[in-house]
N, C-alpha and C. Protein backbone atom coordinates (compact mmCIF):
# COMPACT_ATOMS: atom_id res chain seq x y z
N MET A 1 -1.36 0.28 20.59
CA MET A 1 -1.52 -0.77 19.45
C MET A 1 -0.34 -0.73 18.62
N ARG A 2 -0.11 -1.83 18.07
CA ARG A 2 1.15 -2.02 17.18
C ARG A 2 0.76 -2.39 15.81
N CYS A 3 1.20 -1.58 14.80
CA CYS A 3 1.13 -1.94 13.35
C CYS A 3 1.78 -3.25 13.03
N GLU A 4 1.14 -4.15 12.42
CA GLU A 4 1.65 -5.48 12.15
C GLU A 4 2.74 -5.46 10.93
N LEU A 5 2.64 -4.30 10.25
CA LEU A 5 3.54 -4.26 9.08
C LEU A 5 4.76 -3.54 9.47
N CYS A 6 4.69 -2.27 9.95
CA CYS A 6 5.92 -1.53 10.19
C CYS A 6 6.32 -1.63 11.68
N GLU A 7 5.38 -2.19 12.44
CA GLU A 7 5.65 -2.60 13.83
C GLU A 7 5.88 -1.40 14.81
N ARG A 8 5.35 -0.20 14.41
CA ARG A 8 5.44 0.92 15.23
C ARG A 8 4.27 0.88 16.19
N GLU A 9 4.40 1.52 17.30
CA GLU A 9 3.38 1.70 18.30
C GLU A 9 2.56 3.08 17.76
N VAL A 10 1.32 2.75 17.54
CA VAL A 10 0.44 3.77 17.00
C VAL A 10 -0.92 3.86 17.98
N ALA A 11 -1.56 5.06 17.70
CA ALA A 11 -2.78 5.19 18.52
C ALA A 11 -3.95 4.45 17.88
N ARG A 12 -3.90 4.21 16.54
CA ARG A 12 -4.96 3.63 15.88
C ARG A 12 -4.49 2.67 14.90
N VAL A 13 -5.29 1.69 14.56
CA VAL A 13 -4.97 0.66 13.52
C VAL A 13 -6.22 0.52 12.63
N THR A 14 -6.07 0.12 11.37
CA THR A 14 -7.25 -0.29 10.53
C THR A 14 -6.97 -1.68 10.11
N ARG A 15 -8.10 -2.38 9.70
CA ARG A 15 -8.04 -3.63 9.17
C ARG A 15 -7.71 -3.69 7.73
N HIS A 16 -6.72 -4.50 7.36
CA HIS A 16 -6.40 -4.74 6.00
C HIS A 16 -6.60 -6.08 5.62
N HIS A 17 -7.35 -6.36 4.54
CA HIS A 17 -7.67 -7.83 4.12
C HIS A 17 -6.25 -8.10 3.32
N LEU A 18 -5.62 -9.13 3.70
CA LEU A 18 -4.40 -9.52 3.10
C LEU A 18 -4.67 -10.04 1.68
N ARG A 19 -5.73 -10.71 1.43
CA ARG A 19 -6.23 -10.97 0.03
C ARG A 19 -7.51 -10.05 -0.01
N PRO A 20 -7.63 -9.14 -0.87
CA PRO A 20 -8.88 -8.26 -1.05
C PRO A 20 -10.10 -9.03 -0.98
N ARG A 21 -11.14 -8.41 -0.38
CA ARG A 21 -12.44 -9.09 -0.28
C ARG A 21 -13.02 -9.39 -1.70
N GLU A 22 -12.81 -8.52 -2.70
CA GLU A 22 -13.24 -8.81 -3.97
C GLU A 22 -12.63 -10.11 -4.59
N HIS A 23 -11.54 -10.62 -3.98
CA HIS A 23 -10.92 -11.88 -4.37
C HIS A 23 -11.14 -12.80 -3.41
N GLY A 24 -12.04 -12.79 -2.57
CA GLY A 24 -12.46 -13.80 -1.65
C GLY A 24 -11.62 -13.81 -0.28
N GLY A 25 -11.06 -12.71 -0.02
CA GLY A 25 -10.16 -12.67 1.15
C GLY A 25 -10.97 -12.56 2.50
N THR A 26 -10.46 -13.16 3.52
CA THR A 26 -11.18 -13.04 4.76
C THR A 26 -10.17 -12.69 5.95
N GLU A 27 -8.88 -13.07 5.76
CA GLU A 27 -7.86 -12.95 6.74
C GLU A 27 -7.39 -11.39 6.64
N THR A 28 -7.32 -10.89 7.92
CA THR A 28 -6.94 -9.49 8.03
C THR A 28 -5.64 -9.29 8.87
N ALA A 29 -5.04 -8.06 8.73
CA ALA A 29 -4.04 -7.71 9.47
C ALA A 29 -4.31 -6.33 10.02
N LEU A 30 -3.72 -5.91 11.19
CA LEU A 30 -3.95 -4.60 11.76
C LEU A 30 -2.74 -3.76 11.39
N LEU A 31 -3.15 -2.78 10.48
CA LEU A 31 -1.98 -1.69 10.04
C LEU A 31 -2.35 -0.39 10.48
N CYS A 32 -1.32 0.34 10.54
CA CYS A 32 -1.46 1.83 10.83
C CYS A 32 -2.09 2.37 9.54
N SER A 33 -2.62 3.57 9.73
CA SER A 33 -3.39 4.21 8.48
C SER A 33 -2.19 4.53 7.44
N ALA A 34 -1.05 4.82 7.86
CA ALA A 34 0.09 5.24 6.91
C ALA A 34 0.45 4.02 6.08
N CYS A 35 0.62 2.82 6.67
CA CYS A 35 1.02 1.61 5.95
C CYS A 35 -0.13 1.14 5.13
N HIS A 36 -1.42 1.24 5.59
CA HIS A 36 -2.51 0.87 4.78
C HIS A 36 -2.63 1.67 3.58
N ARG A 37 -2.42 3.01 3.67
CA ARG A 37 -2.54 3.86 2.53
C ARG A 37 -1.29 3.46 1.61
N GLN A 38 -0.26 3.35 1.99
CA GLN A 38 0.89 3.02 1.31
C GLN A 38 0.79 1.82 0.43
N VAL A 39 0.34 0.71 1.17
CA VAL A 39 0.04 -0.63 0.36
C VAL A 39 -0.92 -0.37 -0.89
N HIS A 40 -1.97 0.38 -0.58
CA HIS A 40 -2.92 0.57 -1.68
C HIS A 40 -2.55 1.57 -2.65
N ALA A 41 -1.57 2.35 -2.35
CA ALA A 41 -0.94 3.44 -3.30
C ALA A 41 -0.03 2.78 -4.27
N LEU A 42 0.63 1.67 -3.79
CA LEU A 42 1.66 0.97 -4.57
C LEU A 42 1.06 -0.15 -5.42
N PHE A 43 0.09 -0.87 -4.83
CA PHE A 43 -0.43 -2.09 -5.48
C PHE A 43 -1.73 -2.09 -5.85
N THR A 44 -2.20 -2.74 -6.78
CA THR A 44 -3.71 -3.01 -7.24
C THR A 44 -4.16 -4.13 -6.44
N ASN A 45 -5.51 -4.15 -6.25
CA ASN A 45 -6.09 -5.34 -5.53
C ASN A 45 -5.62 -6.69 -6.19
N ARG A 46 -5.54 -6.67 -7.43
CA ARG A 46 -5.15 -7.94 -8.20
C ARG A 46 -3.75 -8.39 -7.83
N THR A 47 -2.85 -7.36 -7.78
CA THR A 47 -1.48 -7.73 -7.34
C THR A 47 -1.52 -8.19 -5.77
N LEU A 48 -2.17 -7.59 -5.00
CA LEU A 48 -2.26 -7.98 -3.54
C LEU A 48 -2.79 -9.40 -3.52
N ALA A 49 -3.85 -9.69 -4.28
CA ALA A 49 -4.48 -11.10 -4.31
C ALA A 49 -3.67 -12.09 -4.71
N HIS A 50 -2.89 -11.83 -5.77
CA HIS A 50 -2.09 -13.06 -6.40
C HIS A 50 -0.67 -13.03 -6.08
N GLU A 51 -0.13 -11.95 -5.54
CA GLU A 51 1.41 -11.95 -5.27
C GLU A 51 1.72 -11.57 -3.93
N LEU A 52 1.00 -10.60 -3.28
CA LEU A 52 1.31 -10.11 -2.03
C LEU A 52 0.30 -10.34 -0.92
N ASP A 53 -0.09 -11.59 -0.76
CA ASP A 53 -1.20 -11.90 0.10
C ASP A 53 -0.83 -12.28 1.59
N SER A 54 0.36 -11.83 2.00
CA SER A 54 0.81 -12.09 3.29
C SER A 54 1.74 -10.94 3.86
N LEU A 55 1.77 -10.72 5.17
CA LEU A 55 2.64 -9.64 5.52
C LEU A 55 4.12 -9.91 5.35
N GLU A 56 4.62 -11.08 5.17
CA GLU A 56 5.93 -11.55 4.87
C GLU A 56 6.15 -11.12 3.41
N LYS A 57 5.25 -11.38 2.57
CA LYS A 57 5.49 -11.10 1.10
C LYS A 57 5.37 -9.52 0.92
N LEU A 58 4.57 -8.83 1.59
CA LEU A 58 4.52 -7.30 1.57
C LEU A 58 5.91 -6.79 2.07
N ARG A 59 6.32 -7.20 3.30
CA ARG A 59 7.64 -6.74 3.80
C ARG A 59 8.84 -7.03 2.81
N ALA A 60 8.69 -8.09 2.12
CA ALA A 60 9.91 -8.51 1.24
C ALA A 60 9.93 -7.78 -0.15
N HIS A 61 8.71 -7.04 -0.54
CA HIS A 61 8.69 -6.39 -1.85
C HIS A 61 9.69 -5.18 -1.60
N PRO A 62 10.52 -5.04 -2.71
CA PRO A 62 11.55 -3.87 -2.68
C PRO A 62 10.89 -2.46 -2.27
N GLN A 63 9.81 -2.12 -2.98
CA GLN A 63 9.16 -0.84 -2.69
C GLN A 63 8.69 -0.77 -1.28
N MET A 64 8.17 -1.75 -0.65
CA MET A 64 7.65 -1.71 0.71
C MET A 64 8.72 -1.85 1.74
N ARG A 65 9.75 -2.58 1.37
CA ARG A 65 11.08 -2.63 2.32
C ARG A 65 11.64 -1.23 2.44
N SER A 66 11.71 -0.50 1.24
CA SER A 66 12.28 0.94 1.38
C SER A 66 11.44 1.69 2.23
N TYR A 67 10.05 1.69 1.92
CA TYR A 67 9.13 2.52 2.75
C TYR A 67 9.20 2.05 4.28
N LEU A 68 9.24 0.81 4.54
CA LEU A 68 9.18 0.40 6.07
C LEU A 68 10.43 0.79 6.66
N ARG A 69 11.53 0.82 6.00
CA ARG A 69 12.84 1.20 6.63
C ARG A 69 12.66 2.71 7.00
N TRP A 70 12.04 3.56 6.25
CA TRP A 70 11.78 4.79 6.60
C TRP A 70 10.82 5.02 7.62
N ALA A 71 9.57 4.34 7.38
CA ALA A 71 8.47 4.53 8.34
C ALA A 71 8.78 4.14 9.73
N ARG A 72 9.66 3.18 9.93
CA ARG A 72 9.86 2.69 11.31
C ARG A 72 10.46 3.78 12.15
N ARG A 73 11.11 4.83 11.55
CA ARG A 73 11.83 5.85 12.27
C ARG A 73 10.85 7.05 12.56
N GLN A 74 9.71 6.98 12.12
CA GLN A 74 8.65 8.06 12.08
C GLN A 74 7.94 8.02 13.50
N ALA A 75 7.41 9.08 14.10
CA ALA A 75 6.55 9.15 15.18
C ALA A 75 5.20 8.76 14.70
N ASP A 76 4.33 8.54 15.62
CA ASP A 76 2.93 8.46 15.31
C ASP A 76 2.24 9.67 14.97
N ARG A 77 2.30 9.96 13.70
CA ARG A 77 1.64 11.09 13.13
C ARG A 77 1.38 10.82 11.66
N HIS A 78 0.80 11.84 11.00
CA HIS A 78 0.39 11.67 9.61
C HIS A 78 1.66 11.49 8.72
N ILE A 79 1.72 10.42 8.10
CA ILE A 79 2.91 10.24 7.24
C ILE A 79 2.32 10.33 5.77
N PRO A 80 3.11 11.06 5.02
CA PRO A 80 2.55 11.30 3.59
C PRO A 80 2.84 9.88 2.75
N VAL A 81 2.01 9.58 1.72
CA VAL A 81 2.02 8.40 1.00
C VAL A 81 2.77 8.69 -0.25
N ARG A 82 3.61 7.81 -0.66
CA ARG A 82 4.41 7.97 -1.85
C ARG A 82 3.75 7.25 -2.98
N ARG A 83 3.13 7.94 -3.80
CA ARG A 83 2.36 7.25 -4.96
C ARG A 83 3.39 6.59 -6.04
N SER A 84 2.90 5.51 -6.52
CA SER A 84 3.79 4.86 -7.56
C SER A 84 3.43 5.35 -8.87
N ARG A 85 4.28 5.61 -9.61
CA ARG A 85 3.97 6.10 -11.02
C ARG A 85 3.22 4.96 -11.89
N SER A 86 3.57 3.77 -11.55
CA SER A 86 2.79 2.69 -12.17
C SER A 86 2.52 1.74 -11.02
N ARG A 87 1.32 1.52 -10.69
CA ARG A 87 0.98 0.65 -9.65
C ARG A 87 1.17 -0.73 -10.03
N ALA A 88 1.69 -1.61 -9.23
CA ALA A 88 2.05 -3.04 -9.64
C ALA A 88 0.85 -3.92 -9.41
């Protein structure tokens, strides 16, 4: 399987609601657990709903761009999540 965000081949993916369900989201993307955890560690559901509701917008965000550059070089294993000091 392939993570739609980092594009790595991984054994398992999870469904990420591009717009959180609490904000009426139904469209999903298949993300590896590392990317899924990283997205939620960096951003609140409100930010995801109003500013980062597509894979393109997530990839373009400076914090995610830096993470993805690093993550793409990692093997399919547990990747630690970098917590943001202030979630956007």
